[in-house]
Amino acid sequence: MGYSVCIFQEKAFLLFGSNHKKGFLDVGFAKGFELKNNQEVLVDENRNTVKSLRYYSLEEIDNEVLIAVISEAKLLYS
């Protein structure tokens, strides 16, 4: 799986990774383990710092959750 990285304030912020074999896209958060909210939808899958929202189709994307997680993650860089 390859990742594309989104930089915020000169640090890795978001990671986009697709797994073609398993058919999903991960929207990963570099400081994901510091997030407090929405833990029930964040995937850690044996990772030390990154947690991600995992989507198997466009219809699965919950815009409210995605915006809430991005907003919370952004606060970790203040």
C-alpha atoms as a PDB file:
ATOM      1  CA  MET A   1       0.000   0.000   0.000  1.00  0.00           C
ATOM      2  CA  GLY A   2       1.385   3.390  -0.986  1.00  0.00           C
ATOM      3  CA  TYR A   3       0.605   6.599   0.853  1.00  0.00           C
ATOM      4  CA  SER A   4       0.258  10.218  -0.133  1.00  0.00           C
ATOM      5  CA  VAL A   5       0.978  12.676   2.656  1.00  0.00           C
ATOM      6  CA  CYS A   6      -0.728  16.003   3.353  1.00  0.00           C
ATOM      7  CA  ILE A   7       1.491  18.457   5.239  1.00  0.00           C
ATOM      8  CA  PHE A   8       0.132  20.957   7.779  1.00  0.00           C
ATOM      9  CA  GLN A   9       2.386  23.449   9.565  1.00  0.00           C
ATOM     10  CA  GLU A  10       5.439  21.704   8.082  1.00  0.00           C
ATOM     11  CA  LYS A  11       4.497  18.303   9.592  1.00  0.00           C
ATOM     12  CA  ALA A  12       2.761  15.212   8.304  1.00  0.00           C
ATOM     13  CA  PHE A  13      -0.959  15.619   8.973  1.00  0.00           C
ATOM     14  CA  LEU A  14      -3.041  13.332   6.761  1.00  0.00           C
ATOM     15  CA  LEU A  15      -2.037  10.187   4.944  1.00  0.00           C
ATOM     16  CA  PHE A  16      -4.089   8.781   2.102  1.00  0.00           C
ATOM     17  CA  GLY A  17      -3.468   5.131   1.362  1.00  0.00           C
ATOM     18  CA  SER A  18      -5.311   2.711  -0.867  1.00  0.00           C
ATOM     19  CA  ASN A  19      -5.172  -1.060  -0.625  1.00  0.00           C
ATOM     20  CA  HIS A  20      -6.218  -2.429  -3.992  1.00  0.00           C
ATOM     21  CA  LYS A  21      -6.186  -6.080  -2.874  1.00  0.00           C
ATOM     22  CA  LYS A  22      -8.584  -5.451   0.002  1.00  0.00           C
ATOM     23  CA  GLY A  23     -10.442  -2.640  -1.759  1.00  0.00           C
ATOM     24  CA  PHE A  24     -10.266   0.218   0.707  1.00  0.00           C
ATOM     25  CA  LEU A  25      -8.947   3.727   1.174  1.00  0.00           C
ATOM     26  CA  ASP A  26      -7.463   4.810   4.491  1.00  0.00           C
ATOM     27  CA  VAL A  27      -7.541   8.459   5.527  1.00  0.00           C
ATOM     28  CA  GLY A  28      -4.839   8.326   8.182  1.00  0.00           C
ATOM     29  CA  PHE A  29      -4.018  10.858  10.863  1.00  0.00           C
ATOM     30  CA  ALA A  30      -0.345  11.196  11.810  1.00  0.00           C
ATOM     31  CA  LYS A  31      -1.222  11.957  15.446  1.00  0.00           C
ATOM     32  CA  GLY A  32      -4.189   9.595  15.461  1.00  0.00           C
ATOM     33  CA  PHE A  33      -3.438   8.082  18.867  1.00  0.00           C
ATOM     34  CA  GLU A  34      -3.780  11.528  20.421  1.00  0.00           C
ATOM     35  CA  LEU A  35      -7.354  11.901  19.153  1.00  0.00           C
ATOM     36  CA  LYS A  36     -10.034  11.586  21.834  1.00  0.00           C
ATOM     37  CA  ASN A  37     -13.278  11.540  19.850  1.00  0.00           C
ATOM     38  CA  ASN A  38     -14.684   9.080  17.298  1.00  0.00           C
ATOM     39  CA  GLN A  39     -12.500   6.216  18.541  1.00  0.00           C
ATOM     40  CA  GLU A  40     -15.199   3.727  17.542  1.00  0.00           C
ATOM     41  CA  VAL A  41     -14.576   4.449  13.845  1.00  0.00           C
ATOM     42  CA  LEU A  42     -10.794   4.933  13.882  1.00  0.00           C
ATOM     43  CA  VAL A  43      -8.646   1.950  12.845  1.00  0.00           C
ATOM     44  CA  ASP A  44      -5.175   1.404  14.339  1.00  0.00           C
ATOM     45  CA  GLU A  45      -4.319  -2.015  12.880  1.00  0.00           C
ATOM     46  CA  ASN A  46      -0.988  -2.589  14.663  1.00  0.00           C
ATOM     47  CA  ARG A  47       0.291   0.950  14.101  1.00  0.00           C
ATOM     48  CA  ASN A  48       2.044   3.025  16.747  1.00  0.00           C
ATOM     49  CA  THR A  49       0.905   6.560  15.978  1.00  0.00           C
ATOM     50  CA  VAL A  50      -1.420   6.589  12.969  1.00  0.00           C
ATOM     51  CA  LYS A  51      -5.138   5.922  13.194  1.00  0.00           C
ATOM     52  CA  SER A  52      -7.337   6.092  10.149  1.00  0.00           C
ATOM     53  CA  LEU A  53     -10.842   6.264   8.824  1.00  0.00           C
ATOM     54  CA  ARG A  54     -11.316   3.348   6.411  1.00  0.00           C
ATOM     55  CA  TYR A  55     -13.671   3.457   3.477  1.00  0.00           C
ATOM     56  CA  TYR A  56     -14.678   0.702   1.075  1.00  0.00           C
ATOM     57  CA  SER A  57     -16.980   2.930  -1.012  1.00  0.00           C
ATOM     58  CA  LEU A  58     -17.833   6.600  -1.441  1.00  0.00           C
ATOM     59  CA  GLU A  59     -21.236   5.948   0.105  1.00  0.00           C
ATOM     60  CA  GLU A  60     -19.571   4.938   3.402  1.00  0.00           C
ATOM     61  CA  ILE A  61     -18.051   8.373   3.927  1.00  0.00           C
ATOM     62  CA  ASP A  62     -19.803  10.166   6.772  1.00  0.00           C
ATOM     63  CA  ASN A  63     -18.962  13.813   6.102  1.00  0.00           C
ATOM     64  CA  GLU A  64     -19.773  14.887   9.662  1.00  0.00           C
ATOM     65  CA  VAL A  65     -17.369  12.335  11.155  1.00  0.00           C
ATOM     66  CA  LEU A  66     -14.657  13.097   8.601  1.00  0.00           C
ATOM     67  CA  ILE A  67     -14.883  16.848   9.266  1.00  0.00           C
ATOM     68  CA  ALA A  68     -14.977  16.304  13.046  1.00  0.00           C
ATOM     69  CA  VAL A  69     -11.856  14.112  13.004  1.00  0.00           C
ATOM     70  CA  ILE A  70      -9.961  16.507  10.723  1.00  0.00           C
ATOM     71  CA  SER A  71     -10.960  19.440  12.940  1.00  0.00           C
ATOM     72  CA  GLU A  72      -9.833  17.655  16.107  1.00  0.00           C
ATOM     73  CA  ALA A  73      -6.575  16.536  14.499  1.00  0.00           C
ATOM     74  CA  LYS A  74      -5.859  20.091  13.372  1.00  0.00           C
ATOM     75  CA  LEU A  75      -6.031  21.247  17.012  1.00  0.00           C
ATOM     76  CA  LEU A  76      -3.135  18.903  17.861  1.00  0.00           C
ATOM     77  CA  TYR A  77      -0.848  21.106  15.744  1.00  0.00           C
ATOM     78  CA  SER A  78      -1.626  24.393  17.514  1.00  0.00           C
END
